[in-house]
Amino acid sequence: MKKVVKLTEKDLTNIVKRVIKENDGEIFGFDNEEEYFKDFIEADEFAEKLYWDLHETVEDSVRMFLESINFFEMVSRYQEKFRERYGRYSDLDSYPESDYIESLMTIKVSKKIPDEKIMDIGDSIIDSFK
């Protein structure tokens, strides 16, 4: 089980100073704290850039996948199958005692999937691997 620990900047500074002291004033090959922090900030900025590049790549892949399977037509086809067989239930304002009819018939898909939906899917994919 992962544990999240929140540190203040002061806590982090104290930890770094302690590590430097224990390593004879050297940390990760840097002679002083200032050089280390400068390098660490650059590393963090680079990681941030890579993270958002990854995010964008995942979103592009999700968009291409959904377009390749023609999600709009797929949903429409399944809703139409239901209407053909049970049309009397397809346009109800509410669906008492049925989560599935409501789940199927209330899917609203436009031919162009909104960017927010793509971003939500991308976030879910990335978060599922954390």
C-alpha atoms as a PDB file:
ATOM      1  CA  MET A   1       0.000   0.000   0.000  1.00  0.00           C
ATOM      2  CA  LYS A   2       1.396   3.387  -0.996  1.00  0.00           C
ATOM      3  CA  LYS A   3       1.537   6.114   1.579  1.00  0.00           C
ATOM      4  CA  VAL A   4       1.446   9.783   0.612  1.00  0.00           C
ATOM      5  CA  VAL A   5       3.576  12.033   2.776  1.00  0.00           C
ATOM      6  CA  LYS A   6       3.287  15.771   2.379  1.00  0.00           C
ATOM      7  CA  LEU A   7       6.424  17.816   2.981  1.00  0.00           C
ATOM      8  CA  THR A   8       6.825  21.535   3.202  1.00  0.00           C
ATOM      9  CA  GLU A   9       9.680  23.251   1.405  1.00  0.00           C
ATOM     10  CA  LYS A  10      11.379  23.679   4.782  1.00  0.00           C
ATOM     11  CA  ASP A  11      11.050  19.938   5.509  1.00  0.00           C
ATOM     12  CA  LEU A  12      12.600  19.111   2.145  1.00  0.00           C
ATOM     13  CA  THR A  13      15.418  21.618   2.679  1.00  0.00           C
ATOM     14  CA  ASN A  14      16.197  20.106   6.083  1.00  0.00           C
ATOM     15  CA  ILE A  15      16.259  16.595   4.638  1.00  0.00           C
ATOM     16  CA  VAL A  16      18.592  17.697   1.837  1.00  0.00           C
ATOM     17  CA  LYS A  17      20.899  19.451   4.320  1.00  0.00           C
ATOM     18  CA  ARG A  18      21.032  16.330   6.477  1.00  0.00           C
ATOM     19  CA  VAL A  19      21.841  14.135   3.470  1.00  0.00           C
ATOM     20  CA  ILE A  20      24.536  16.578   2.341  1.00  0.00           C
ATOM     21  CA  LYS A  21      26.039  16.606   5.826  1.00  0.00           C
ATOM     22  CA  GLU A  22      26.026  12.801   5.967  1.00  0.00           C
ATOM     23  CA  ASN A  23      27.749  12.647   2.559  1.00  0.00           C
ATOM     24  CA  ASP A  24      30.610  14.984   3.443  1.00  0.00           C
ATOM     25  CA  GLY A  25      28.928  17.997   1.891  1.00  0.00           C
ATOM     26  CA  GLU A  26      28.289  16.345  -1.470  1.00  0.00           C
ATOM     27  CA  ILE A  27      24.939  15.244  -2.850  1.00  0.00           C
ATOM     28  CA  PHE A  28      24.450  13.491  -6.176  1.00  0.00           C
ATOM     29  CA  GLY A  29      27.837  14.758  -7.282  1.00  0.00           C
ATOM     30  CA  PHE A  30      27.094  18.422  -6.505  1.00  0.00           C
ATOM     31  CA  ASP A  31      29.380  20.383  -4.225  1.00  0.00           C
ATOM     32  CA  ASN A  32      26.695  22.574  -2.745  1.00  0.00           C
ATOM     33  CA  GLU A  33      23.001  22.803  -2.095  1.00  0.00           C
ATOM     34  CA  GLU A  34      22.419  25.575  -4.629  1.00  0.00           C
ATOM     35  CA  GLU A  35      23.810  23.529  -7.546  1.00  0.00           C
ATOM     36  CA  TYR A  36      21.750  20.538  -6.444  1.00  0.00           C
ATOM     37  CA  PHE A  37      18.491  22.518  -6.208  1.00  0.00           C
ATOM     38  CA  LYS A  38      19.087  24.170  -9.580  1.00  0.00           C
ATOM     39  CA  ASP A  39      19.639  20.781 -11.201  1.00  0.00           C
ATOM     40  CA  PHE A  40      16.674  19.263  -9.358  1.00  0.00           C
ATOM     41  CA  ILE A  41      14.369  22.056 -10.563  1.00  0.00           C
ATOM     42  CA  GLU A  42      15.567  21.533 -14.148  1.00  0.00           C
ATOM     43  CA  ALA A  43      14.933  17.795 -13.790  1.00  0.00           C
ATOM     44  CA  ASP A  44      11.441  18.429 -12.427  1.00  0.00           C
ATOM     45  CA  GLU A  45      10.632  20.829 -15.273  1.00  0.00           C
ATOM     46  CA  PHE A  46      11.840  18.250 -17.800  1.00  0.00           C
ATOM     47  CA  ALA A  47       9.728  15.546 -16.119  1.00  0.00           C
ATOM     48  CA  GLU A  48       6.719  17.867 -16.278  1.00  0.00           C
ATOM     49  CA  LYS A  49       7.266  18.433 -20.012  1.00  0.00           C
ATOM     50  CA  LEU A  50       7.584  14.697 -20.629  1.00  0.00           C
ATOM     51  CA  TYR A  51       4.489  13.974 -18.528  1.00  0.00           C
ATOM     52  CA  TRP A  52       2.355  16.389 -20.556  1.00  0.00           C
ATOM     53  CA  ASP A  53       3.847  15.109 -23.826  1.00  0.00           C
ATOM     54  CA  LEU A  54       2.834  11.609 -22.733  1.00  0.00           C
ATOM     55  CA  HIS A  55      -0.618  12.901 -21.843  1.00  0.00           C
ATOM     56  CA  GLU A  56      -1.017  14.466 -25.276  1.00  0.00           C
ATOM     57  CA  THR A  57       0.176  11.284 -27.005  1.00  0.00           C
ATOM     58  CA  VAL A  58      -2.321   9.177 -25.040  1.00  0.00           C
ATOM     59  CA  GLU A  59      -5.133  11.598 -25.865  1.00  0.00           C
ATOM     60  CA  ASP A  60      -4.215  11.529 -29.569  1.00  0.00           C
ATOM     61  CA  SER A  61      -4.195   7.726 -29.481  1.00  0.00           C
ATOM     62  CA  VAL A  62      -7.596   7.608 -27.749  1.00  0.00           C
ATOM     63  CA  ARG A  63      -9.029  10.028 -30.315  1.00  0.00           C
ATOM     64  CA  MET A  64      -7.633   7.970 -33.232  1.00  0.00           C
ATOM     65  CA  PHE A  65      -8.971   4.748 -31.707  1.00  0.00           C
ATOM     66  CA  LEU A  66     -12.463   6.142 -31.152  1.00  0.00           C
ATOM     67  CA  GLU A  67     -12.522   7.546 -34.670  1.00  0.00           C
ATOM     68  CA  SER A  68     -11.270   4.258 -36.134  1.00  0.00           C
ATOM     69  CA  ILE A  69     -14.080   2.248 -34.550  1.00  0.00           C
ATOM     70  CA  ASN A  70     -16.583   4.973 -35.464  1.00  0.00           C
ATOM     71  CA  PHE A  71     -17.902   5.208 -31.925  1.00  0.00           C
ATOM     72  CA  PHE A  72     -20.846   7.426 -32.917  1.00  0.00           C
ATOM     73  CA  GLU A  73     -22.214   4.893 -35.374  1.00  0.00           C
ATOM     74  CA  MET A  74     -21.507   1.995 -33.025  1.00  0.00           C
ATOM     75  CA  VAL A  75     -23.574   3.527 -30.216  1.00  0.00           C
ATOM     76  CA  SER A  76     -26.325   4.509 -32.642  1.00  0.00           C
ATOM     77  CA  ARG A  77     -26.431   0.955 -34.033  1.00  0.00           C
ATOM     78  CA  TYR A  78     -26.857  -0.601 -30.574  1.00  0.00           C
ATOM     79  CA  GLN A  79     -29.502   1.923 -29.562  1.00  0.00           C
ATOM     80  CA  GLU A  80     -31.359   1.222 -32.821  1.00  0.00           C
ATOM     81  CA  LYS A  81     -31.247  -2.542 -32.135  1.00  0.00           C
ATOM     82  CA  PHE A  82     -32.941  -1.873 -28.825  1.00  0.00           C
ATOM     83  CA  ARG A  83     -35.541   0.443 -30.424  1.00  0.00           C
ATOM     84  CA  GLU A  84     -36.364  -2.174 -33.078  1.00  0.00           C
ATOM     85  CA  ARG A  85     -37.137  -4.770 -30.444  1.00  0.00           C
ATOM     86  CA  TYR A  86     -38.392  -2.680 -27.496  1.00  0.00           C
ATOM     87  CA  GLY A  87     -39.167   0.737 -28.960  1.00  0.00           C
ATOM     88  CA  ARG A  88     -41.956   1.261 -26.441  1.00  0.00           C
ATOM     89  CA  TYR A  89     -39.281   1.713 -23.742  1.00  0.00           C
ATOM     90  CA  SER A  90     -36.712   3.688 -25.660  1.00  0.00           C
ATOM     91  CA  ASP A  91     -38.006   7.230 -25.108  1.00  0.00           C
ATOM     92  CA  LEU A  92     -39.111   7.208 -21.495  1.00  0.00           C
ATOM     93  CA  ASP A  93     -38.310  10.214 -19.341  1.00  0.00           C
ATOM     94  CA  SER A  94     -37.160   7.870 -16.605  1.00  0.00           C
ATOM     95  CA  TYR A  95     -36.435   4.182 -16.504  1.00  0.00           C
ATOM     96  CA  PRO A  96     -37.852   2.696 -13.308  1.00  0.00           C
ATOM     97  CA  GLU A  97     -36.117  -0.428 -12.094  1.00  0.00           C
ATOM     98  CA  SER A  98     -33.721  -0.583 -15.042  1.00  0.00           C
ATOM     99  CA  ASP A  99     -30.224   0.714 -15.017  1.00  0.00           C
ATOM    100  CA  TYR A 100     -29.390  -0.948 -18.329  1.00  0.00           C
ATOM    101  CA  ILE A 101     -32.108   0.571 -20.492  1.00  0.00           C
ATOM    102  CA  GLU A 102     -31.241   4.008 -19.144  1.00  0.00           C
ATOM    103  CA  SER A 103     -27.506   3.370 -19.514  1.00  0.00           C
ATOM    104  CA  LEU A 104     -27.866   2.336 -23.142  1.00  0.00           C
ATOM    105  CA  MET A 105     -30.443   4.844 -24.274  1.00  0.00           C
ATOM    106  CA  THR A 106     -29.000   7.938 -22.587  1.00  0.00           C
ATOM    107  CA  ILE A 107     -25.578   7.688 -24.225  1.00  0.00           C
ATOM    108  CA  LYS A 108     -25.214  10.887 -26.205  1.00  0.00           C
ATOM    109  CA  VAL A 109     -22.434  10.826 -28.740  1.00  0.00           C
ATOM    110  CA  SER A 110     -21.795  13.462 -31.321  1.00  0.00           C
ATOM    111  CA  LYS A 111     -19.881  12.684 -34.478  1.00  0.00           C
ATOM    112  CA  LYS A 112     -16.972  14.671 -33.069  1.00  0.00           C
ATOM    113  CA  ILE A 113     -16.089  13.547 -29.583  1.00  0.00           C
ATOM    114  CA  PRO A 114     -15.474  16.609 -27.371  1.00  0.00           C
ATOM    115  CA  ASP A 115     -11.883  17.238 -26.330  1.00  0.00           C
ATOM    116  CA  GLU A 116     -12.926  17.204 -22.654  1.00  0.00           C
ATOM    117  CA  LYS A 117     -14.119  13.596 -23.021  1.00  0.00           C
ATOM    118  CA  ILE A 118     -10.873  12.607 -24.721  1.00  0.00           C
ATOM    119  CA  MET A 119      -8.910  14.286 -21.921  1.00  0.00           C
ATOM    120  CA  ASP A 120     -10.989  12.475 -19.272  1.00  0.00           C
ATOM    121  CA  ILE A 121     -10.313   9.134 -20.928  1.00  0.00           C
ATOM    122  CA  GLY A 122      -6.603   9.951 -21.236  1.00  0.00           C
ATOM    123  CA  ASP A 123      -6.477  10.929 -17.536  1.00  0.00           C
ATOM    124  CA  SER A 124      -8.172   7.665 -16.584  1.00  0.00           C
ATOM    125  CA  ILE A 125      -5.714   5.599 -18.601  1.00  0.00           C
ATOM    126  CA  ILE A 126      -2.662   7.307 -17.137  1.00  0.00           C
ATOM    127  CA  ASP A 127      -4.061   7.274 -13.588  1.00  0.00           C
ATOM    128  CA  SER A 128      -4.843   3.558 -13.814  1.00  0.00           C
ATOM    129  CA  PHE A 129      -1.106   2.838 -14.075  1.00  0.00           C
ATOM    130  CA  LYS A 130      -0.022   4.921 -11.071  1.00  0.00           C
END
